[in-house]
Amino acid sequence: MEKTNKVRLADIASRLGVSTVTVSKALSNKEGVGDELREQIKQIAAEMGYHQKSSKNHLGLSKGTGNIGIVIPSRFFESNTSFYWNMYNALSKELISKGFYAILEQLDEKDEFDLSLPHIVQDKKVDGIIMLGQISNDYAHFFSQNYSDFIFLDFYISDEETDSITTDNFYSEYLMTNYLISQGHRNIRYVGNFGATTSISDRFMGFMKAMLENGLHVSFDEIINDRDKKGLLKTPQLPDKMPTAFVCNCDDTAVALIKQLNEKGYRVPEDVSVVGFDDYVAKGASKPALTTVAVDAQTTARAAVDLILKKVSGLPYNSGHSVIAGKLIKRDSVKFIKEQR
């Protein structure tokens, strides 16, 4: 059997007296190599019989850099980071399984205010962007007008041509509130700044729908805030007249609220019930175990990666806004009470 000598990058580099990095950049059409040298390297590579690897991954999706950027507003790393780290890890693993790599960049407040594109976009380090977490409407519209290969994840804007994926926040909170009502609760308060994120607003609207359908009192004026002007979490203030249950917009807020209730002498769920949303609180971090809505990070990541890779590769996909179902997780922080008249 005839033996075939495979030409390596190092062989080409030795022939020309340059580094293998220079050869790799030239053959991949990356920056950092002069035009004349690039053409010389390509010519010698062809003469030596070098066969360049396909620029597609194992699924047949075209790759440029082979990287997908995940941009997260920096404020989400200053407080409730667990949810976004969890989602980033799920996205990174899913991208690797498809032959791509994730590059994380924090979008700081100055760049967001100044309407500056992420540095990984400016430096052409990625093939596309997953924008994870709420950004301002001004920045969202600026970004969508100046960059096309992206999706929004965990929020959306009122633009039918913009691609986005979120949990089904409205219906999930609707189910959660109906569950509390089925357990005899009628005096229920919502905790979370309406308008702080699209997720919180949608969750409150699901809460409101369930309350109104059951003939119960609900008002925007009675929302209990849990964030400051920058959107960072703060300890919610307990109302003068206690309800029988609190619906919190996220698990972090629910855990903080339970702690404050305990400090004030209230027992959960014996005196008051508390529920959260997201299901990412570590086991044992909440006592009692928190009733919540589970956000399926793996399913969400799979949908987001499938969408961005099809988009950057020019393959057909369903555009617009998509929702991923949440799942009600019943634990120990809700007590059944006699129906109040």
C-alpha atoms as a PDB file:
ATOM      1  CA  MET A   1       0.000   0.000   0.000  1.00  0.00           C
ATOM      2  CA  GLU A   2       1.395   3.338  -1.029  1.00  0.00           C
ATOM      3  CA  LYS A   3       2.078   5.659   1.888  1.00  0.00           C
ATOM      4  CA  THR A   4       0.799   9.236   1.607  1.00  0.00           C
ATOM      5  CA  ASN A   5       2.810  12.050   3.169  1.00  0.00           C
ATOM      6  CA  LYS A   6       0.347  14.577   4.688  1.00  0.00           C
ATOM      7  CA  VAL A   7       1.453  18.183   4.346  1.00  0.00           C
ATOM      8  CA  ARG A   8       1.351  20.073   7.636  1.00  0.00           C
ATOM      9  CA  LEU A   9       1.248  23.787   8.422  1.00  0.00           C
ATOM     10  CA  ALA A  10       4.727  23.404   9.913  1.00  0.00           C
ATOM     11  CA  ASP A  11       6.028  22.083   6.563  1.00  0.00           C
ATOM     12  CA  ILE A  12       4.735  25.157   4.744  1.00  0.00           C
ATOM     13  CA  ALA A  13       6.108  27.464   7.452  1.00  0.00           C
ATOM     14  CA  SER A  14       9.554  25.824   7.207  1.00  0.00           C
ATOM     15  CA  ARG A  15       9.571  26.184   3.437  1.00  0.00           C
ATOM     16  CA  LEU A  16       8.921  29.942   3.686  1.00  0.00           C
ATOM     17  CA  GLY A  17      10.776  30.673   6.919  1.00  0.00           C
ATOM     18  CA  VAL A  18       7.691  31.961   8.745  1.00  0.00           C
ATOM     19  CA  SER A  19       5.739  30.789  11.799  1.00  0.00           C
ATOM     20  CA  THR A  20       2.920  28.257  11.704  1.00  0.00           C
ATOM     21  CA  VAL A  21       0.632  30.950  13.166  1.00  0.00           C
ATOM     22  CA  THR A  22       1.346  33.164  10.150  1.00  0.00           C
ATOM     23  CA  VAL A  23       0.569  30.290   7.788  1.00  0.00           C
ATOM     24  CA  SER A  24      -2.658  29.496   9.639  1.00  0.00           C
ATOM     25  CA  LYS A  25      -3.825  33.129   9.508  1.00  0.00           C
ATOM     26  CA  ALA A  26      -3.008  33.405   5.799  1.00  0.00           C
ATOM     27  CA  LEU A  27      -4.869  30.244   4.831  1.00  0.00           C
ATOM     28  CA  SER A  28      -7.865  31.244   6.994  1.00  0.00           C
ATOM     29  CA  ASN A  29      -7.922  34.788   5.575  1.00  0.00           C
ATOM     30  CA  LYS A  30      -7.506  36.300   9.030  1.00  0.00           C
ATOM     31  CA  GLU A  31      -5.943  39.670   9.802  1.00  0.00           C
ATOM     32  CA  GLY A  32      -2.267  40.027  10.671  1.00  0.00           C
ATOM     33  CA  VAL A  33      -0.692  38.920   7.375  1.00  0.00           C
ATOM     34  CA  GLY A  34       0.218  41.182   4.453  1.00  0.00           C
ATOM     35  CA  ASP A  35      -1.537  40.608   1.125  1.00  0.00           C
ATOM     36  CA  GLU A  36       1.671  39.714  -0.740  1.00  0.00           C
ATOM     37  CA  LEU A  37       2.791  37.178   1.873  1.00  0.00           C
ATOM     38  CA  ARG A  38      -0.729  35.749   2.114  1.00  0.00           C
ATOM     39  CA  GLU A  39      -0.793  35.015  -1.626  1.00  0.00           C
ATOM     40  CA  GLN A  40       2.711  33.529  -1.476  1.00  0.00           C
ATOM     41  CA  ILE A  41       1.715  31.205   1.361  1.00  0.00           C
ATOM     42  CA  LYS A  42      -1.414  30.070  -0.479  1.00  0.00           C
ATOM     43  CA  GLN A  43       0.587  29.419  -3.650  1.00  0.00           C
ATOM     44  CA  ILE A  44       3.242  27.344  -1.852  1.00  0.00           C
ATOM     45  CA  ALA A  45       0.537  25.446   0.064  1.00  0.00           C
ATOM     46  CA  ALA A  46      -1.136  24.533  -3.208  1.00  0.00           C
ATOM     47  CA  GLU A  47       2.157  23.437  -4.786  1.00  0.00           C
ATOM     48  CA  MET A  48       2.911  21.210  -1.780  1.00  0.00           C
ATOM     49  CA  GLY A  49      -0.527  19.611  -1.964  1.00  0.00           C
ATOM     50  CA  TYR A  50      -1.871  21.000   1.304  1.00  0.00           C
ATOM     51  CA  HIS A  51      -5.581  20.297   1.819  1.00  0.00           C
ATOM     52  CA  GLN A  52      -7.278  22.783   4.103  1.00  0.00           C
ATOM     53  CA  LYS A  53      -9.863  21.485   6.522  1.00  0.00           C
ATOM     54  CA  SER A  54     -13.487  22.257   5.770  1.00  0.00           C
ATOM     55  CA  SER A  55     -14.787  25.504   7.180  1.00  0.00           C
ATOM     56  CA  LYS A  56     -17.945  23.741   8.306  1.00  0.00           C
ATOM     57  CA  ASN A  57     -18.684  21.937  11.537  1.00  0.00           C
ATOM     58  CA  HIS A  58     -19.988  18.386  11.803  1.00  0.00           C
ATOM     59  CA  LEU A  59     -23.560  19.577  11.203  1.00  0.00           C
ATOM     60  CA  GLY A  60     -22.608  21.238   7.945  1.00  0.00           C
ATOM     61  CA  LEU A  61     -23.038  24.768   9.290  1.00  0.00           C
ATOM     62  CA  SER A  62     -20.633  27.287   7.820  1.00  0.00           C
ATOM     63  CA  LYS A  63     -18.162  28.867  10.242  1.00  0.00           C
ATOM     64  CA  GLY A  64     -16.207  32.078  10.056  1.00  0.00           C
ATOM     65  CA  THR A  65     -14.439  32.555  13.365  1.00  0.00           C
ATOM     66  CA  GLY A  66     -16.168  29.545  14.907  1.00  0.00           C
ATOM     67  CA  ASN A  67     -17.159  31.744  17.865  1.00  0.00           C
ATOM     68  CA  ILE A  68     -20.520  32.966  19.132  1.00  0.00           C
ATOM     69  CA  GLY A  69     -20.517  35.937  21.499  1.00  0.00           C
ATOM     70  CA  ILE A  70     -22.688  35.935  24.610  1.00  0.00           C
ATOM     71  CA  VAL A  71     -23.148  39.513  25.807  1.00  0.00           C
ATOM     72  CA  ILE A  72     -24.590  40.081  29.288  1.00  0.00           C
ATOM     73  CA  PRO A  73     -25.183  43.522  30.880  1.00  0.00           C
ATOM     74  CA  SER A  74     -22.641  43.966  33.682  1.00  0.00           C
ATOM     75  CA  ARG A  75     -25.334  44.850  36.254  1.00  0.00           C
ATOM     76  CA  PHE A  76     -26.435  41.212  36.238  1.00  0.00           C
ATOM     77  CA  PHE A  77     -23.018  40.272  37.623  1.00  0.00           C
ATOM     78  CA  GLU A  78     -23.291  42.737  40.515  1.00  0.00           C
ATOM     79  CA  SER A  79     -26.135  40.968  42.268  1.00  0.00           C
ATOM     80  CA  ASN A  80     -28.279  38.048  41.100  1.00  0.00           C
ATOM     81  CA  THR A  81     -25.711  36.282  38.954  1.00  0.00           C
ATOM     82  CA  SER A  82     -26.662  32.665  39.497  1.00  0.00           C
ATOM     83  CA  PHE A  83     -29.397  32.524  36.847  1.00  0.00           C
ATOM     84  CA  TYR A  84     -27.227  34.100  34.158  1.00  0.00           C
ATOM     85  CA  TRP A  85     -24.155  32.013  34.977  1.00  0.00           C
ATOM     86  CA  ASN A  86     -26.360  28.941  34.778  1.00  0.00           C
ATOM     87  CA  MET A  87     -27.715  30.006  31.395  1.00  0.00           C
ATOM     88  CA  TYR A  88     -24.248  30.961  30.095  1.00  0.00           C
ATOM     89  CA  ASN A  89     -22.891  27.528  31.045  1.00  0.00           C
ATOM     90  CA  ALA A  90     -25.799  25.830  29.269  1.00  0.00           C
ATOM     91  CA  LEU A  91     -25.241  27.944  26.142  1.00  0.00           C
ATOM     92  CA  SER A  92     -21.490  27.284  26.182  1.00  0.00           C
ATOM     93  CA  LYS A  93     -21.960  23.517  26.431  1.00  0.00           C
ATOM     94  CA  GLU A  94     -24.551  23.526  23.663  1.00  0.00           C
ATOM     95  CA  LEU A  95     -22.299  25.563  21.366  1.00  0.00           C
ATOM     96  CA  ILE A  96     -19.369  23.212  21.952  1.00  0.00           C
ATOM     97  CA  SER A  97     -21.567  20.256  21.021  1.00  0.00           C
ATOM     98  CA  LYS A  98     -22.220  22.002  17.694  1.00  0.00           C
ATOM     99  CA  GLY A  99     -18.532  22.731  17.034  1.00  0.00           C
ATOM    100  CA  PHE A 100     -18.564  26.386  18.129  1.00  0.00           C
ATOM    101  CA  TYR A 101     -17.108  28.248  21.110  1.00  0.00           C
ATOM    102  CA  ALA A 102     -18.686  30.860  23.378  1.00  0.00           C
ATOM    103  CA  ILE A 103     -16.976  34.188  24.076  1.00  0.00           C
ATOM    104  CA  LEU A 104     -18.422  36.113  27.016  1.00  0.00           C
ATOM    105  CA  GLU A 105     -18.455  39.916  27.174  1.00  0.00           C
ATOM    106  CA  GLN A 106     -20.002  42.077  29.848  1.00  0.00           C
ATOM    107  CA  LEU A 107     -21.796  45.112  28.465  1.00  0.00           C
ATOM    108  CA  ASP A 108     -20.945  47.925  30.887  1.00  0.00           C
ATOM    109  CA  GLU A 109     -23.250  50.831  31.627  1.00  0.00           C
ATOM    110  CA  LYS A 110     -21.097  53.367  29.749  1.00  0.00           C
ATOM    111  CA  ASP A 111     -21.096  51.385  26.490  1.00  0.00           C
ATOM    112  CA  GLU A 112     -24.834  50.827  26.839  1.00  0.00           C
ATOM    113  CA  PHE A 113     -25.498  54.528  27.503  1.00  0.00           C
ATOM    114  CA  ASP A 114     -23.113  55.647  24.722  1.00  0.00           C
ATOM    115  CA  LEU A 115     -24.660  53.177  22.274  1.00  0.00           C
ATOM    116  CA  SER A 116     -21.382  51.403  21.526  1.00  0.00           C
ATOM    117  CA  LEU A 117     -21.322  47.989  19.899  1.00  0.00           C
ATOM    118  CA  PRO A 118     -19.757  45.180  21.973  1.00  0.00           C
ATOM    119  CA  HIS A 119     -15.988  44.969  21.539  1.00  0.00           C
ATOM    120  CA  ILE A 120     -16.183  41.415  20.206  1.00  0.00           C
ATOM    121  CA  VAL A 121     -18.395  42.749  17.416  1.00  0.00           C
ATOM    122  CA  GLN A 122     -16.145  45.712  16.675  1.00  0.00           C
ATOM    123  CA  ASP A 123     -13.075  43.453  16.589  1.00  0.00           C
ATOM    124  CA  LYS A 124     -14.852  40.833  14.430  1.00  0.00           C
ATOM    125  CA  LYS A 125     -14.146  38.061  16.928  1.00  0.00           C
ATOM    126  CA  VAL A 126     -17.503  36.304  16.538  1.00  0.00           C
ATOM    127  CA  ASP A 127     -19.911  35.049  13.895  1.00  0.00           C
ATOM    128  CA  GLY A 128     -22.991  36.080  15.862  1.00  0.00           C
ATOM    129  CA  ILE A 129     -24.268  37.321  19.211  1.00  0.00           C
ATOM    130  CA  ILE A 130     -26.655  36.023  21.861  1.00  0.00           C
ATOM    131  CA  MET A 131     -27.666  39.067  23.916  1.00  0.00           C
ATOM    132  CA  LEU A 132     -28.586  37.580  27.305  1.00  0.00           C
ATOM    133  CA  GLY A 133     -30.544  39.681  29.800  1.00  0.00           C
ATOM    134  CA  GLN A 134     -32.469  42.932  29.713  1.00  0.00           C
ATOM    135  CA  ILE A 135     -30.918  45.944  28.015  1.00  0.00           C
ATOM    136  CA  SER A 136     -32.420  49.404  27.522  1.00  0.00           C
ATOM    137  CA  ASN A 137     -34.856  49.864  24.649  1.00  0.00           C
ATOM    138  CA  ASP A 138     -32.562  52.527  23.164  1.00  0.00           C
ATOM    139  CA  TYR A 139     -29.632  50.123  23.109  1.00  0.00           C
ATOM    140  CA  ALA A 140     -31.763  47.230  21.846  1.00  0.00           C
ATOM    141  CA  HIS A 141     -32.983  49.276  18.866  1.00  0.00           C
ATOM    142  CA  PHE A 142     -29.483  50.672  18.221  1.00  0.00           C
ATOM    143  CA  PHE A 143     -27.994  47.179  18.286  1.00  0.00           C
ATOM    144  CA  SER A 144     -30.640  45.717  15.973  1.00  0.00           C
ATOM    145  CA  GLN A 145     -30.121  48.556  13.480  1.00  0.00           C
ATOM    146  CA  ASN A 146     -26.335  48.179  13.399  1.00  0.00           C
ATOM    147  CA  TYR A 147     -25.811  44.422  13.675  1.00  0.00           C
ATOM    148  CA  SER A 148     -27.875  41.649  12.126  1.00  0.00           C
ATOM    149  CA  ASP A 149     -26.507  38.285  13.272  1.00  0.00           C
ATOM    150  CA  PHE A 150     -27.948  38.182  16.790  1.00  0.00           C
ATOM    151  CA  ILE A 151     -30.826  37.013  18.955  1.00  0.00           C
ATOM    152  CA  PHE A 152     -32.164  38.367  22.246  1.00  0.00           C
ATOM    153  CA  LEU A 153     -32.458  35.831  25.051  1.00  0.00           C
ATOM    154  CA  ASP A 154     -34.595  36.367  28.167  1.00  0.00           C
ATOM    155  CA  PHE A 155     -36.131  39.585  26.846  1.00  0.00           C
ATOM    156  CA  TYR A 156     -37.688  41.042  23.699  1.00  0.00           C
ATOM    157  CA  ILE A 157     -38.665  44.321  22.079  1.00  0.00           C
ATOM    158  CA  SER A 158     -41.774  45.406  20.167  1.00  0.00           C
ATOM    159  CA  ASP A 159     -40.315  44.624  16.753  1.00  0.00           C
ATOM    160  CA  GLU A 160     -41.711  41.651  14.875  1.00  0.00           C
ATOM    161  CA  GLU A 161     -38.532  41.347  12.796  1.00  0.00           C
ATOM    162  CA  THR A 162     -36.273  40.909  15.838  1.00  0.00           C
ATOM    163  CA  ASP A 163     -35.521  37.333  16.886  1.00  0.00           C
ATOM    164  CA  SER A 164     -35.860  36.539  20.585  1.00  0.00           C
ATOM    165  CA  ILE A 165     -36.465  33.673  23.009  1.00  0.00           C
ATOM    166  CA  THR A 166     -37.918  33.820  26.511  1.00  0.00           C
ATOM    167  CA  THR A 167     -39.530  31.548  29.047  1.00  0.00           C
ATOM    168  CA  ASP A 168     -43.325  31.608  28.886  1.00  0.00           C
ATOM    169  CA  ASN A 169     -43.370  34.076  31.777  1.00  0.00           C
ATOM    170  CA  PHE A 170     -47.002  35.108  31.433  1.00  0.00           C
ATOM    171  CA  TYR A 171     -48.572  31.648  31.450  1.00  0.00           C
ATOM    172  CA  SER A 172     -46.156  30.247  34.042  1.00  0.00           C
ATOM    173  CA  GLU A 173     -46.999  32.983  36.578  1.00  0.00           C
ATOM    174  CA  TYR A 174     -50.663  32.569  35.725  1.00  0.00           C
ATOM    175  CA  LEU A 175     -50.398  28.889  36.681  1.00  0.00           C
ATOM    176  CA  MET A 176     -48.463  29.730  39.859  1.00  0.00           C
ATOM    177  CA  THR A 177     -51.090  32.245  41.014  1.00  0.00           C
ATOM    178  CA  ASN A 178     -53.926  29.843  40.274  1.00  0.00           C
ATOM    179  CA  TYR A 179     -52.109  27.231  42.345  1.00  0.00           C
ATOM    180  CA  LEU A 180     -51.998  29.617  45.328  1.00  0.00           C
ATOM    181  CA  ILE A 181     -55.691  30.371  44.872  1.00  0.00           C
ATOM    182  CA  SER A 182     -56.444  26.629  44.791  1.00  0.00           C
ATOM    183  CA  GLN A 183     -54.695  26.398  48.182  1.00  0.00           C
ATOM    184  CA  GLY A 184     -57.185  28.855  49.660  1.00  0.00           C
ATOM    185  CA  HIS A 185     -55.213  32.107  49.283  1.00  0.00           C
ATOM    186  CA  ARG A 186     -57.183  35.204  48.318  1.00  0.00           C
ATOM    187  CA  ASN A 187     -55.073  38.065  49.695  1.00  0.00           C
ATOM    188  CA  ILE A 188     -51.941  37.819  47.546  1.00  0.00           C
ATOM    189  CA  ARG A 189     -49.284  40.487  46.829  1.00  0.00           C
ATOM    190  CA  TYR A 190     -46.831  40.634  43.932  1.00  0.00           C
ATOM    191  CA  VAL A 191     -43.141  41.443  44.515  1.00  0.00           C
ATOM    192  CA  GLY A 192     -41.112  42.866  41.615  1.00  0.00           C
ATOM    193  CA  ASN A 193     -40.672  46.196  39.806  1.00  0.00           C
ATOM    194  CA  PHE A 194     -43.113  46.329  36.915  1.00  0.00           C
ATOM    195  CA  GLY A 195     -41.262  47.526  33.806  1.00  0.00           C
ATOM    196  CA  ALA A 196     -37.785  46.667  35.117  1.00  0.00           C
ATOM    197  CA  THR A 197     -37.586  43.805  32.601  1.00  0.00           C
ATOM    198  CA  THR A 198     -39.947  42.308  30.054  1.00  0.00           C
ATOM    199  CA  SER A 199     -39.874  39.085  32.083  1.00  0.00           C
ATOM    200  CA  ILE A 200     -41.070  40.761  35.281  1.00  0.00           C
ATOM    201  CA  SER A 201     -43.793  42.680  33.437  1.00  0.00           C
ATOM    202  CA  ASP A 202     -45.066  39.529  31.727  1.00  0.00           C
ATOM    203  CA  ARG A 203     -45.017  37.624  35.024  1.00  0.00           C
ATOM    204  CA  PHE A 204     -47.059  40.332  36.733  1.00  0.00           C
ATOM    205  CA  MET A 205     -49.594  40.298  33.878  1.00  0.00           C
ATOM    206  CA  GLY A 206     -49.984  36.524  34.328  1.00  0.00           C
ATOM    207  CA  PHE A 207     -50.491  37.111  38.061  1.00  0.00           C
ATOM    208  CA  MET A 208     -53.078  39.808  37.325  1.00  0.00           C
ATOM    209  CA  LYS A 209     -54.995  37.603  34.880  1.00  0.00           C
ATOM    210  CA  ALA A 210     -55.357  34.825  37.454  1.00  0.00           C
ATOM    211  CA  MET A 211     -56.437  37.253  40.176  1.00  0.00           C
ATOM    212  CA  LEU A 212     -59.029  38.991  37.996  1.00  0.00           C
ATOM    213  CA  GLU A 213     -60.440  35.726  36.654  1.00  0.00           C
ATOM    214  CA  ASN A 214     -61.070  34.645  40.236  1.00  0.00           C
ATOM    215  CA  GLY A 215     -62.697  37.931  41.189  1.00  0.00           C
ATOM    216  CA  LEU A 216     -59.829  38.967  43.479  1.00  0.00           C
ATOM    217  CA  HIS A 217     -58.432  42.432  44.118  1.00  0.00           C
ATOM    218  CA  VAL A 218     -55.242  43.398  42.260  1.00  0.00           C
ATOM    219  CA  SER A 219     -53.674  46.799  41.655  1.00  0.00           C
ATOM    220  CA  PHE A 220     -50.477  48.229  40.131  1.00  0.00           C
ATOM    221  CA  ASP A 221     -50.292  50.517  43.168  1.00  0.00           C
ATOM    222  CA  GLU A 222     -49.870  47.518  45.471  1.00  0.00           C
ATOM    223  CA  ILE A 223     -46.840  46.020  43.723  1.00  0.00           C
ATOM    224  CA  ILE A 224     -43.936  45.662  46.174  1.00  0.00           C
ATOM    225  CA  ASN A 225     -40.672  46.809  44.590  1.00  0.00           C
ATOM    226  CA  ASP A 226     -37.500  44.736  44.906  1.00  0.00           C
ATOM    227  CA  ARG A 227     -35.039  46.759  42.783  1.00  0.00           C
ATOM    228  CA  ASP A 228     -33.375  50.153  42.741  1.00  0.00           C
ATOM    229  CA  LYS A 229     -33.258  52.590  39.810  1.00  0.00           C
ATOM    230  CA  LYS A 230     -30.381  50.662  38.219  1.00  0.00           C
ATOM    231  CA  GLY A 231     -32.340  47.437  38.372  1.00  0.00           C
ATOM    232  CA  LEU A 232     -30.208  45.926  41.149  1.00  0.00           C
ATOM    233  CA  LEU A 233     -31.933  43.864  43.809  1.00  0.00           C
ATOM    234  CA  LYS A 234     -32.760  45.393  47.169  1.00  0.00           C
ATOM    235  CA  THR A 235     -34.594  43.980  50.169  1.00  0.00           C
ATOM    236  CA  PRO A 236     -38.376  44.290  49.669  1.00  0.00           C
ATOM    237  CA  GLN A 237     -40.253  46.253  52.317  1.00  0.00           C
ATOM    238  CA  LEU A 238     -42.996  44.349  54.096  1.00  0.00           C
ATOM    239  CA  PRO A 239     -46.478  45.916  53.825  1.00  0.00           C
ATOM    240  CA  ASP A 240     -48.310  47.185  56.911  1.00  0.00           C
ATOM    241  CA  LYS A 241     -51.152  44.753  56.271  1.00  0.00           C
ATOM    242  CA  MET A 242     -49.758  41.286  55.602  1.00  0.00           C
ATOM    243  CA  PRO A 243     -51.239  39.102  52.853  1.00  0.00           C
ATOM    244  CA  THR A 244     -51.477  35.340  53.157  1.00  0.00           C
ATOM    245  CA  ALA A 245     -49.066  34.847  50.219  1.00  0.00           C
ATOM    246  CA  PHE A 246     -46.385  36.647  48.220  1.00  0.00           C
ATOM    247  CA  VAL A 247     -45.662  35.953  44.531  1.00  0.00           C
ATOM    248  CA  CYS A 248     -42.028  36.938  43.901  1.00  0.00           C
ATOM    249  CA  ASN A 249     -40.715  37.625  40.407  1.00  0.00           C
ATOM    250  CA  CYS A 250     -37.551  35.560  40.991  1.00  0.00           C
ATOM    251  CA  ASP A 251     -35.998  33.145  43.471  1.00  0.00           C
ATOM    252  CA  ASP A 252     -33.438  35.677  44.744  1.00  0.00           C
ATOM    253  CA  THR A 253     -36.238  37.988  45.838  1.00  0.00           C
ATOM    254  CA  ALA A 254     -38.174  35.116  47.388  1.00  0.00           C
ATOM    255  CA  VAL A 255     -35.153  34.019  49.457  1.00  0.00           C
ATOM    256  CA  ALA A 256     -34.501  37.617  50.616  1.00  0.00           C
ATOM    257  CA  LEU A 257     -38.171  38.028  51.502  1.00  0.00           C
ATOM    258  CA  ILE A 258     -38.263  34.793  53.521  1.00  0.00           C
ATOM    259  CA  LYS A 259     -35.195  35.959  55.451  1.00  0.00           C
ATOM    260  CA  GLN A 260     -36.825  39.294  56.245  1.00  0.00           C
ATOM    261  CA  LEU A 261     -40.088  37.618  57.256  1.00  0.00           C
ATOM    262  CA  ASN A 262     -38.193  35.353  59.645  1.00  0.00           C
ATOM    263  CA  GLU A 263     -36.404  38.353  61.162  1.00  0.00           C
ATOM    264  CA  LYS A 264     -39.785  40.009  61.776  1.00  0.00           C
ATOM    265  CA  GLY A 265     -41.120  36.897  63.497  1.00  0.00           C
ATOM    266  CA  TYR A 266     -43.190  35.480  60.638  1.00  0.00           C
ATOM    267  CA  ARG A 267     -42.934  31.783  59.785  1.00  0.00           C
ATOM    268  CA  VAL A 268     -43.032  30.470  56.214  1.00  0.00           C
ATOM    269  CA  PRO A 269     -45.362  28.827  55.334  1.00  0.00           C
ATOM    270  CA  GLU A 270     -47.193  28.641  58.695  1.00  0.00           C
ATOM    271  CA  ASP A 271     -47.960  32.400  58.770  1.00  0.00           C
ATOM    272  CA  VAL A 272     -47.444  33.377  55.139  1.00  0.00           C
ATOM    273  CA  SER A 273     -46.660  31.544  51.903  1.00  0.00           C
ATOM    274  CA  VAL A 274     -43.922  32.620  49.464  1.00  0.00           C
ATOM    275  CA  VAL A 275     -43.236  31.495  45.872  1.00  0.00           C
ATOM    276  CA  GLY A 276     -40.444  32.355  43.441  1.00  0.00           C
ATOM    277  CA  PHE A 277     -39.517  31.919  39.789  1.00  0.00           C
ATOM    278  CA  ASP A 278     -36.513  30.370  37.892  1.00  0.00           C
ATOM    279  CA  ASP A 279     -35.665  27.366  40.157  1.00  0.00           C
ATOM    280  CA  TYR A 280     -31.940  27.983  40.415  1.00  0.00           C
ATOM    281  CA  VAL A 281     -31.557  28.447  44.183  1.00  0.00           C
ATOM    282  CA  ALA A 282     -29.040  25.907  45.467  1.00  0.00           C
ATOM    283  CA  LYS A 283     -30.434  23.014  47.470  1.00  0.00           C
ATOM    284  CA  GLY A 284     -30.684  24.023  51.108  1.00  0.00           C
ATOM    285  CA  ALA A 285     -30.307  27.767  50.372  1.00  0.00           C
ATOM    286  CA  SER A 286     -33.994  28.317  51.056  1.00  0.00           C
ATOM    287  CA  LYS A 287     -35.717  27.017  54.164  1.00  0.00           C
ATOM    288  CA  PRO A 288     -38.388  25.905  53.619  1.00  0.00           C
ATOM    289  CA  ALA A 289     -37.755  24.545  50.119  1.00  0.00           C
ATOM    290  CA  LEU A 290     -39.100  27.082  47.645  1.00  0.00           C
ATOM    291  CA  THR A 291     -42.149  26.578  45.454  1.00  0.00           C
ATOM    292  CA  THR A 292     -41.174  28.066  42.096  1.00  0.00           C
ATOM    293  CA  VAL A 293     -41.298  27.867  38.303  1.00  0.00           C
ATOM    294  CA  ALA A 294     -38.464  25.904  36.725  1.00  0.00           C
ATOM    295  CA  VAL A 295     -36.824  27.510  33.704  1.00  0.00           C
ATOM    296  CA  ASP A 296     -35.400  24.706  31.563  1.00  0.00           C
ATOM    297  CA  ALA A 297     -31.897  26.052  30.886  1.00  0.00           C
ATOM    298  CA  GLN A 298     -30.899  23.159  28.619  1.00  0.00           C
ATOM    299  CA  THR A 299     -33.998  23.379  26.428  1.00  0.00           C
ATOM    300  CA  THR A 300     -33.678  27.170  26.270  1.00  0.00           C
ATOM    301  CA  ALA A 301     -29.972  26.966  25.391  1.00  0.00           C
ATOM    302  CA  ARG A 302     -30.650  24.346  22.726  1.00  0.00           C
ATOM    303  CA  ALA A 303     -33.325  26.531  21.123  1.00  0.00           C
ATOM    304  CA  ALA A 304     -31.131  29.652  21.292  1.00  0.00           C
ATOM    305  CA  VAL A 305     -28.066  27.942  19.811  1.00  0.00           C
ATOM    306  CA  ASP A 306     -30.107  26.299  17.061  1.00  0.00           C
ATOM    307  CA  LEU A 307     -31.591  29.682  16.169  1.00  0.00           C
ATOM    308  CA  ILE A 308     -28.347  31.699  16.134  1.00  0.00           C
ATOM    309  CA  LEU A 309     -26.397  29.051  14.190  1.00  0.00           C
ATOM    310  CA  LYS A 310     -29.080  28.772  11.525  1.00  0.00           C
ATOM    311  CA  LYS A 311     -29.223  32.550  11.321  1.00  0.00           C
ATOM    312  CA  VAL A 312     -25.466  33.107  10.915  1.00  0.00           C
ATOM    313  CA  SER A 313     -25.247  30.223   8.431  1.00  0.00           C
ATOM    314  CA  GLY A 314     -28.062  31.498   6.235  1.00  0.00           C
ATOM    315  CA  LEU A 315     -30.278  28.444   6.857  1.00  0.00           C
ATOM    316  CA  PRO A 316     -34.091  28.669   7.054  1.00  0.00           C
ATOM    317  CA  TYR A 317     -35.507  29.296  10.548  1.00  0.00           C
ATOM    318  CA  ASN A 318     -38.671  30.542  12.253  1.00  0.00           C
ATOM    319  CA  SER A 319     -38.147  34.239  12.890  1.00  0.00           C
ATOM    320  CA  GLY A 320     -39.718  36.424  15.573  1.00  0.00           C
ATOM    321  CA  HIS A 321     -40.382  35.739  19.244  1.00  0.00           C
ATOM    322  CA  SER A 322     -40.384  32.205  20.687  1.00  0.00           C
ATOM    323  CA  VAL A 323     -41.319  31.040  24.181  1.00  0.00           C
ATOM    324  CA  ILE A 324     -40.119  28.028  26.174  1.00  0.00           C
ATOM    325  CA  ALA A 325     -42.565  26.487  28.643  1.00  0.00           C
ATOM    326  CA  GLY A 326     -41.841  26.730  32.358  1.00  0.00           C
ATOM    327  CA  LYS A 327     -42.783  24.054  34.903  1.00  0.00           C
ATOM    328  CA  LEU A 328     -44.498  24.580  38.245  1.00  0.00           C
ATOM    329  CA  ILE A 329     -42.426  23.048  41.057  1.00  0.00           C
ATOM    330  CA  LYS A 330     -44.448  22.538  44.260  1.00  0.00           C
ATOM    331  CA  ARG A 331     -42.358  22.424  47.418  1.00  0.00           C
ATOM    332  CA  ASP A 332     -42.772  23.412  51.082  1.00  0.00           C
ATOM    333  CA  SER A 333     -43.143  27.211  51.044  1.00  0.00           C
ATOM    334  CA  VAL A 334     -46.908  27.157  50.380  1.00  0.00           C
ATOM    335  CA  LYS A 335     -49.507  26.234  52.976  1.00  0.00           C
ATOM    336  CA  PHE A 336     -53.080  25.176  52.303  1.00  0.00           C
ATOM    337  CA  ILE A 337     -55.457  27.447  54.207  1.00  0.00           C
ATOM    338  CA  LYS A 338     -59.209  27.481  54.626  1.00  0.00           C
ATOM    339  CA  GLU A 339     -60.944  29.518  51.957  1.00  0.00           C
ATOM    340  CA  GLN A 340     -61.481  33.078  53.101  1.00  0.00           C
ATOM    341  CA  ARG A 341     -64.904  34.666  52.668  1.00  0.00           C
END
